[in-house]
């Protein structure tokens, strides 16, 4: 009986590149936004694109995505989730490229403005996103749908907020994610009943003299509720 020699499977001649692309969502207290970059290289130089890079030989996918995020935003240890792999044969007109896409959620006020100049980046409202290169538009659409799904079961929205925020700001964020209005009274009742916010003595007086109390997110309390089977859907 002849044994199968599996060593040959590692000597296949392929010319396939592996890239990581990052979809960066941000929130500025009014609207959910997408960070895009003007491509500096051919093909499609000068067109709008997600930020991405080829994975290094000694680098994991997660590390590659985290490095791109740090170099772009100057931020570490922020929400970063793998979305999907895109591998159509002709998706990149320059060659055979497989892209693993991640999406990240950041508060716009934490963003390093120097990166905007370095990468020629710009924040776009979700309803004003320009035409993107290759299949990047499909990537963004898929990420938005995944964001909506995750927001119903996880407190991912808090990754988009500053440390201190008002309940109306929180509602605006979730309306931006779901892309539909929410009843203010029911939203407040639901979010307060979860007891995952800590009310502070600080107020945001930008909207009125009376002002609105600022809150912080109590992650420890949320983690405890999740372990008890909490459904976070709002």
C-alpha atoms as a PDB file:
ATOM      1  CA  UNK A   1       0.000   0.000   0.000  1.00  0.00           C
ATOM      2  CA  UNK A   2       1.461   3.358  -1.068  1.00  0.00           C
ATOM      3  CA  UNK A   3       1.288   6.189   1.438  1.00  0.00           C
ATOM      4  CA  UNK A   4       0.240   9.650   0.275  1.00  0.00           C
ATOM      5  CA  UNK A   5       3.073  12.163   0.383  1.00  0.00           C
ATOM      6  CA  UNK A   6       1.595  15.355   1.836  1.00  0.00           C
ATOM      7  CA  UNK A   7       4.811  17.348   1.684  1.00  0.00           C
ATOM      8  CA  UNK A   8       4.011  18.517  -1.847  1.00  0.00           C
ATOM      9  CA  UNK A   9       1.008  20.554  -0.700  1.00  0.00           C
ATOM     10  CA  UNK A  10       3.411  23.139   0.749  1.00  0.00           C
ATOM     11  CA  UNK A  11       5.301  23.574  -2.506  1.00  0.00           C
ATOM     12  CA  UNK A  12       2.389  24.756  -4.658  1.00  0.00           C
ATOM     13  CA  UNK A  13       3.364  27.747  -6.767  1.00  0.00           C
ATOM     14  CA  UNK A  14       0.893  30.520  -5.909  1.00  0.00           C
ATOM     15  CA  UNK A  15       1.008  34.260  -6.317  1.00  0.00           C
ATOM     16  CA  UNK A  16      -1.531  35.365  -3.727  1.00  0.00           C
ATOM     17  CA  UNK A  17      -1.174  38.385  -1.447  1.00  0.00           C
ATOM     18  CA  UNK A  18      -2.946  38.676   1.922  1.00  0.00           C
ATOM     19  CA  UNK A  19      -4.064  42.102   3.090  1.00  0.00           C
ATOM     20  CA  UNK A  20      -5.842  43.537   6.097  1.00  0.00           C
ATOM     21  CA  UNK A  21      -8.332  46.384   5.599  1.00  0.00           C
ATOM     22  CA  UNK A  22      -9.775  48.368   8.493  1.00  0.00           C
ATOM     23  CA  UNK A  23     -13.198  50.007   8.635  1.00  0.00           C
ATOM     24  CA  UNK A  24     -13.051  52.755  11.255  1.00  0.00           C
ATOM     25  CA  UNK A  25     -16.346  54.065  12.624  1.00  0.00           C
ATOM     26  CA  UNK A  26     -16.403  57.174  14.787  1.00  0.00           C
ATOM     27  CA  UNK A  27     -19.036  59.181  16.643  1.00  0.00           C
ATOM     28  CA  UNK A  28     -18.890  62.962  17.215  1.00  0.00           C
ATOM     29  CA  UNK A  29     -21.917  63.194  19.581  1.00  0.00           C
ATOM     30  CA  UNK A  30     -24.223  63.928  16.636  1.00  0.00           C
ATOM     31  CA  UNK A  31     -23.614  61.423  13.846  1.00  0.00           C
ATOM     32  CA  UNK A  32     -21.939  58.110  13.185  1.00  0.00           C
ATOM     33  CA  UNK A  33     -19.079  58.582  10.752  1.00  0.00           C
ATOM     34  CA  UNK A  34     -16.692  56.568   8.601  1.00  0.00           C
ATOM     35  CA  UNK A  35     -12.995  57.358   8.226  1.00  0.00           C
ATOM     36  CA  UNK A  36     -11.763  57.163   4.642  1.00  0.00           C
ATOM     37  CA  UNK A  37      -8.450  57.822   2.940  1.00  0.00           C
ATOM     38  CA  UNK A  38      -7.362  59.118  -0.435  1.00  0.00           C
ATOM     39  CA  UNK A  39      -5.331  56.367  -2.030  1.00  0.00           C
ATOM     40  CA  UNK A  40      -1.737  57.430  -2.661  1.00  0.00           C
ATOM     41  CA  UNK A  41      -0.705  54.610  -5.004  1.00  0.00           C
ATOM     42  CA  UNK A  42      -1.789  53.239  -8.342  1.00  0.00           C
ATOM     43  CA  UNK A  43      -4.108  51.663  -9.250  1.00  0.00           C
ATOM     44  CA  UNK A  44      -6.964  54.024  -8.364  1.00  0.00           C
ATOM     45  CA  UNK A  45      -4.648  56.711  -6.979  1.00  0.00           C
ATOM     46  CA  UNK A  46      -6.567  59.683  -5.578  1.00  0.00           C
ATOM     47  CA  UNK A  47      -9.814  57.773  -5.018  1.00  0.00           C
ATOM     48  CA  UNK A  48     -11.397  57.132  -1.630  1.00  0.00           C
ATOM     49  CA  UNK A  49     -10.474  53.921   0.143  1.00  0.00           C
ATOM     50  CA  UNK A  50     -10.394  52.089   3.436  1.00  0.00           C
ATOM     51  CA  UNK A  51      -7.007  51.994   5.147  1.00  0.00           C
ATOM     52  CA  UNK A  52      -5.144  48.735   4.663  1.00  0.00           C
ATOM     53  CA  UNK A  53      -1.810  46.993   4.258  1.00  0.00           C
ATOM     54  CA  UNK A  54      -0.326  43.640   3.343  1.00  0.00           C
ATOM     55  CA  UNK A  55       0.267  41.280   6.249  1.00  0.00           C
ATOM     56  CA  UNK A  56       3.929  40.832   7.143  1.00  0.00           C
ATOM     57  CA  UNK A  57       5.458  37.347   7.148  1.00  0.00           C
ATOM     58  CA  UNK A  58       5.980  37.403  10.924  1.00  0.00           C
ATOM     59  CA  UNK A  59       2.657  39.001  11.790  1.00  0.00           C
ATOM     60  CA  UNK A  60      -0.725  37.591  12.762  1.00  0.00           C
ATOM     61  CA  UNK A  61      -3.890  39.010  11.218  1.00  0.00           C
ATOM     62  CA  UNK A  62      -4.998  40.562  14.500  1.00  0.00           C
ATOM     63  CA  UNK A  63      -1.594  42.163  15.030  1.00  0.00           C
ATOM     64  CA  UNK A  64      -1.626  43.505  11.492  1.00  0.00           C
ATOM     65  CA  UNK A  65      -5.030  45.120  12.001  1.00  0.00           C
ATOM     66  CA  UNK A  66      -4.001  46.559  15.376  1.00  0.00           C
ATOM     67  CA  UNK A  67      -0.844  48.038  13.844  1.00  0.00           C
ATOM     68  CA  UNK A  68      -2.813  49.704  11.041  1.00  0.00           C
ATOM     69  CA  UNK A  69      -5.231  51.124  13.590  1.00  0.00           C
ATOM     70  CA  UNK A  70      -2.452  52.465  15.801  1.00  0.00           C
ATOM     71  CA  UNK A  71      -0.542  54.031  12.917  1.00  0.00           C
ATOM     72  CA  UNK A  72      -3.748  55.611  11.612  1.00  0.00           C
ATOM     73  CA  UNK A  73      -5.390  56.843  14.822  1.00  0.00           C
ATOM     74  CA  UNK A  74      -2.632  56.761  17.440  1.00  0.00           C
ATOM     75  CA  UNK A  75      -4.908  54.613  19.620  1.00  0.00           C
ATOM     76  CA  UNK A  76      -4.259  51.275  21.292  1.00  0.00           C
ATOM     77  CA  UNK A  77      -6.488  48.729  23.015  1.00  0.00           C
ATOM     78  CA  UNK A  78      -9.717  49.840  21.360  1.00  0.00           C
ATOM     79  CA  UNK A  79     -12.606  47.837  19.941  1.00  0.00           C
ATOM     80  CA  UNK A  80     -11.442  45.838  16.935  1.00  0.00           C
ATOM     81  CA  UNK A  81     -13.419  42.968  15.449  1.00  0.00           C
ATOM     82  CA  UNK A  82     -12.817  40.756  12.430  1.00  0.00           C
ATOM     83  CA  UNK A  83     -15.686  41.103   9.984  1.00  0.00           C
ATOM     84  CA  UNK A  84     -15.214  38.893   6.941  1.00  0.00           C
ATOM     85  CA  UNK A  85     -12.787  37.640   4.299  1.00  0.00           C
ATOM     86  CA  UNK A  86     -13.101  38.928   0.743  1.00  0.00           C
ATOM     87  CA  UNK A  87     -11.483  36.744  -1.885  1.00  0.00           C
ATOM     88  CA  UNK A  88     -13.043  37.135  -5.318  1.00  0.00           C
ATOM     89  CA  UNK A  89     -10.404  36.440  -7.935  1.00  0.00           C
ATOM     90  CA  UNK A  90     -10.557  39.841  -9.621  1.00  0.00           C
ATOM     91  CA  UNK A  91     -11.519  42.011  -6.641  1.00  0.00           C
ATOM     92  CA  UNK A  92      -8.218  43.950  -6.866  1.00  0.00           C
ATOM     93  CA  UNK A  93      -7.302  45.054 -10.374  1.00  0.00           C
ATOM     94  CA  UNK A  94      -3.570  44.992  -9.537  1.00  0.00           C
ATOM     95  CA  UNK A  95      -3.391  41.285  -8.750  1.00  0.00           C
ATOM     96  CA  UNK A  96      -4.693  38.364  -6.708  1.00  0.00           C
ATOM     97  CA  UNK A  97      -5.326  39.750  -3.234  1.00  0.00           C
ATOM     98  CA  UNK A  98      -7.305  38.227  -0.382  1.00  0.00           C
ATOM     99  CA  UNK A  99      -8.459  40.804   2.154  1.00  0.00           C
ATOM    100  CA  UNK A 100      -9.388  40.108   5.766  1.00  0.00           C
ATOM    101  CA  UNK A 101     -11.506  43.012   6.983  1.00  0.00           C
ATOM    102  CA  UNK A 102     -11.767  44.354  10.519  1.00  0.00           C
ATOM    103  CA  UNK A 103     -13.959  47.093  11.886  1.00  0.00           C
ATOM    104  CA  UNK A 104     -13.166  49.390  14.763  1.00  0.00           C
ATOM    105  CA  UNK A 105     -15.198  51.789  16.909  1.00  0.00           C
ATOM    106  CA  UNK A 106     -13.650  54.949  18.301  1.00  0.00           C
ATOM    107  CA  UNK A 107     -14.718  58.252  19.773  1.00  0.00           C
ATOM    108  CA  UNK A 108     -13.841  61.016  17.327  1.00  0.00           C
ATOM    109  CA  UNK A 109     -12.553  63.257  20.132  1.00  0.00           C
ATOM    110  CA  UNK A 110      -9.761  60.729  20.808  1.00  0.00           C
ATOM    111  CA  UNK A 111      -8.578  60.685  17.220  1.00  0.00           C
ATOM    112  CA  UNK A 112      -5.083  61.982  16.481  1.00  0.00           C
ATOM    113  CA  UNK A 113      -5.494  64.819  13.983  1.00  0.00           C
ATOM    114  CA  UNK A 114      -1.901  64.374  12.823  1.00  0.00           C
ATOM    115  CA  UNK A 115      -2.975  61.110  11.228  1.00  0.00           C
ATOM    116  CA  UNK A 116      -5.503  62.929   9.066  1.00  0.00           C
ATOM    117  CA  UNK A 117      -2.721  64.944   7.478  1.00  0.00           C
ATOM    118  CA  UNK A 118      -0.365  61.971   7.170  1.00  0.00           C
ATOM    119  CA  UNK A 119      -2.885  59.686   5.479  1.00  0.00           C
ATOM    120  CA  UNK A 120      -5.030  62.367   3.814  1.00  0.00           C
ATOM    121  CA  UNK A 121      -8.013  61.077   5.770  1.00  0.00           C
ATOM    122  CA  UNK A 122     -11.514  62.464   6.176  1.00  0.00           C
ATOM    123  CA  UNK A 123     -14.584  61.650   8.286  1.00  0.00           C
ATOM    124  CA  UNK A 124     -17.767  61.075   6.243  1.00  0.00           C
ATOM    125  CA  UNK A 125     -21.341  60.845   7.486  1.00  0.00           C
ATOM    126  CA  UNK A 126     -22.695  57.386   6.672  1.00  0.00           C
ATOM    127  CA  UNK A 127     -25.266  58.847   4.295  1.00  0.00           C
ATOM    128  CA  UNK A 128     -22.577  60.798   2.428  1.00  0.00           C
ATOM    129  CA  UNK A 129     -19.953  58.114   1.830  1.00  0.00           C
ATOM    130  CA  UNK A 130     -18.409  58.576  -1.644  1.00  0.00           C
ATOM    131  CA  UNK A 131     -17.787  55.821  -4.169  1.00  0.00           C
ATOM    132  CA  UNK A 132     -14.966  53.587  -2.922  1.00  0.00           C
ATOM    133  CA  UNK A 133     -12.333  51.579  -4.779  1.00  0.00           C
ATOM    134  CA  UNK A 134     -12.633  47.874  -5.564  1.00  0.00           C
ATOM    135  CA  UNK A 135     -15.149  46.128  -3.251  1.00  0.00           C
ATOM    136  CA  UNK A 136     -14.635  48.473  -0.309  1.00  0.00           C
ATOM    137  CA  UNK A 137     -18.229  49.670  -0.617  1.00  0.00           C
ATOM    138  CA  UNK A 138     -19.442  46.104  -0.035  1.00  0.00           C
ATOM    139  CA  UNK A 139     -17.147  45.864   2.978  1.00  0.00           C
ATOM    140  CA  UNK A 140     -18.632  49.006   4.520  1.00  0.00           C
ATOM    141  CA  UNK A 141     -22.209  47.838   3.881  1.00  0.00           C
ATOM    142  CA  UNK A 142     -21.457  44.485   5.510  1.00  0.00           C
ATOM    143  CA  UNK A 143     -19.835  46.209   8.493  1.00  0.00           C
ATOM    144  CA  UNK A 144     -22.852  48.475   9.033  1.00  0.00           C
ATOM    145  CA  UNK A 145     -25.188  45.464   9.046  1.00  0.00           C
ATOM    146  CA  UNK A 146     -22.918  43.644  11.496  1.00  0.00           C
ATOM    147  CA  UNK A 147     -22.771  46.748  13.675  1.00  0.00           C
ATOM    148  CA  UNK A 148     -26.570  46.888  13.813  1.00  0.00           C
ATOM    149  CA  UNK A 149     -26.734  43.227  14.775  1.00  0.00           C
ATOM    150  CA  UNK A 150     -24.067  43.467  17.458  1.00  0.00           C
ATOM    151  CA  UNK A 151     -25.556  46.633  18.944  1.00  0.00           C
ATOM    152  CA  UNK A 152     -28.676  44.671  19.868  1.00  0.00           C
ATOM    153  CA  UNK A 153     -26.765  42.262  22.077  1.00  0.00           C
ATOM    154  CA  UNK A 154     -23.536  43.989  23.147  1.00  0.00           C
ATOM    155  CA  UNK A 155     -22.705  47.444  24.536  1.00  0.00           C
ATOM    156  CA  UNK A 156     -20.482  48.216  21.562  1.00  0.00           C
ATOM    157  CA  UNK A 157     -21.949  51.700  21.287  1.00  0.00           C
ATOM    158  CA  UNK A 158     -20.065  52.748  24.398  1.00  0.00           C
ATOM    159  CA  UNK A 159     -16.807  52.329  22.473  1.00  0.00           C
ATOM    160  CA  UNK A 160     -17.900  55.236  20.289  1.00  0.00           C
ATOM    161  CA  UNK A 161     -18.621  57.610  23.148  1.00  0.00           C
ATOM    162  CA  UNK A 162     -16.324  59.816  25.218  1.00  0.00           C
ATOM    163  CA  UNK A 163     -15.813  58.881  28.875  1.00  0.00           C
ATOM    164  CA  UNK A 164     -18.619  61.244  29.912  1.00  0.00           C
ATOM    165  CA  UNK A 165     -21.832  61.485  27.878  1.00  0.00           C
ATOM    166  CA  UNK A 166     -25.509  62.358  28.202  1.00  0.00           C
ATOM    167  CA  UNK A 167     -28.389  59.952  27.695  1.00  0.00           C
ATOM    168  CA  UNK A 168     -29.606  61.993  24.672  1.00  0.00           C
ATOM    169  CA  UNK A 169     -26.124  61.562  23.146  1.00  0.00           C
ATOM    170  CA  UNK A 170     -26.359  57.816  23.768  1.00  0.00           C
ATOM    171  CA  UNK A 171     -29.781  57.726  22.100  1.00  0.00           C
ATOM    172  CA  UNK A 172     -28.458  59.707  19.124  1.00  0.00           C
ATOM    173  CA  UNK A 173     -25.671  57.173  18.746  1.00  0.00           C
ATOM    174  CA  UNK A 174     -28.047  54.199  18.688  1.00  0.00           C
ATOM    175  CA  UNK A 175     -30.322  56.005  16.262  1.00  0.00           C
ATOM    176  CA  UNK A 176     -27.270  56.485  14.036  1.00  0.00           C
ATOM    177  CA  UNK A 177     -26.417  52.791  14.257  1.00  0.00           C
ATOM    178  CA  UNK A 178     -29.975  51.566  13.619  1.00  0.00           C
ATOM    179  CA  UNK A 179     -30.572  54.411  11.132  1.00  0.00           C
ATOM    180  CA  UNK A 180     -34.009  55.080  12.535  1.00  0.00           C
ATOM    181  CA  UNK A 181     -35.513  57.238  15.335  1.00  0.00           C
ATOM    182  CA  UNK A 182     -36.104  55.827  18.817  1.00  0.00           C
ATOM    183  CA  UNK A 183     -38.720  56.948  21.318  1.00  0.00           C
ATOM    184  CA  UNK A 184     -36.868  59.090  23.870  1.00  0.00           C
ATOM    185  CA  UNK A 185     -39.006  58.094  26.850  1.00  0.00           C
ATOM    186  CA  UNK A 186     -38.793  54.368  26.169  1.00  0.00           C
ATOM    187  CA  UNK A 187     -35.072  54.568  25.467  1.00  0.00           C
ATOM    188  CA  UNK A 188     -34.318  56.351  28.739  1.00  0.00           C
ATOM    189  CA  UNK A 189     -36.525  53.946  30.687  1.00  0.00           C
ATOM    190  CA  UNK A 190     -34.824  50.924  29.136  1.00  0.00           C
ATOM    191  CA  UNK A 191     -31.246  52.134  29.549  1.00  0.00           C
ATOM    192  CA  UNK A 192     -31.785  53.338  33.131  1.00  0.00           C
ATOM    193  CA  UNK A 193     -33.460  50.050  34.088  1.00  0.00           C
ATOM    194  CA  UNK A 194     -30.338  48.131  33.029  1.00  0.00           C
ATOM    195  CA  UNK A 195     -28.354  49.980  35.715  1.00  0.00           C
ATOM    196  CA  UNK A 196     -25.191  50.012  33.606  1.00  0.00           C
ATOM    197  CA  UNK A 197     -24.723  53.795  33.723  1.00  0.00           C
ATOM    198  CA  UNK A 198     -23.164  55.768  36.554  1.00  0.00           C
ATOM    199  CA  UNK A 199     -24.633  59.238  36.954  1.00  0.00           C
ATOM    200  CA  UNK A 200     -22.097  61.944  37.760  1.00  0.00           C
ATOM    201  CA  UNK A 201     -22.501  65.410  39.254  1.00  0.00           C
ATOM    202  CA  UNK A 202     -21.172  66.946  36.027  1.00  0.00           C
ATOM    203  CA  UNK A 203     -23.460  68.542  33.459  1.00  0.00           C
ATOM    204  CA  UNK A 204     -23.318  69.328  29.769  1.00  0.00           C
ATOM    205  CA  UNK A 205     -24.664  72.870  29.421  1.00  0.00           C
ATOM    206  CA  UNK A 206     -24.025  73.236  25.696  1.00  0.00           C
ATOM    207  CA  UNK A 207     -27.703  72.719  24.901  1.00  0.00           C
ATOM    208  CA  UNK A 208     -29.336  74.756  27.677  1.00  0.00           C
ATOM    209  CA  UNK A 209     -28.604  76.662  30.880  1.00  0.00           C
ATOM    210  CA  UNK A 210     -30.150  73.873  32.918  1.00  0.00           C
ATOM    211  CA  UNK A 211     -27.899  71.320  31.275  1.00  0.00           C
ATOM    212  CA  UNK A 212     -28.029  67.524  31.134  1.00  0.00           C
ATOM    213  CA  UNK A 213     -26.284  65.225  33.596  1.00  0.00           C
ATOM    214  CA  UNK A 214     -23.266  63.343  32.323  1.00  0.00           C
ATOM    215  CA  UNK A 215     -22.946  59.584  32.752  1.00  0.00           C
ATOM    216  CA  UNK A 216     -20.195  56.994  32.520  1.00  0.00           C
ATOM    217  CA  UNK A 217     -20.494  53.371  31.436  1.00  0.00           C
ATOM    218  CA  UNK A 218     -20.176  50.739  34.169  1.00  0.00           C
ATOM    219  CA  UNK A 219     -18.549  47.860  32.312  1.00  0.00           C
ATOM    220  CA  UNK A 220     -18.190  45.700  35.425  1.00  0.00           C
ATOM    221  CA  UNK A 221     -21.931  45.886  36.034  1.00  0.00           C
ATOM    222  CA  UNK A 222     -22.649  45.101  32.395  1.00  0.00           C
ATOM    223  CA  UNK A 223     -20.316  42.087  32.398  1.00  0.00           C
ATOM    224  CA  UNK A 224     -22.108  40.816  35.494  1.00  0.00           C
ATOM    225  CA  UNK A 225     -25.504  41.117  33.802  1.00  0.00           C
ATOM    226  CA  UNK A 226     -24.236  39.414  30.639  1.00  0.00           C
ATOM    227  CA  UNK A 227     -23.041  36.463  32.735  1.00  0.00           C
ATOM    228  CA  UNK A 228     -26.615  36.248  34.048  1.00  0.00           C
ATOM    229  CA  UNK A 229     -28.043  36.083  30.524  1.00  0.00           C
ATOM    230  CA  UNK A 230     -28.923  39.730  29.869  1.00  0.00           C
ATOM    231  CA  UNK A 231     -30.330  40.584  26.430  1.00  0.00           C
ATOM    232  CA  UNK A 232     -29.080  44.077  25.701  1.00  0.00           C
ATOM    233  CA  UNK A 233     -31.484  44.769  22.835  1.00  0.00           C
ATOM    234  CA  UNK A 234     -32.818  48.337  22.987  1.00  0.00           C
END
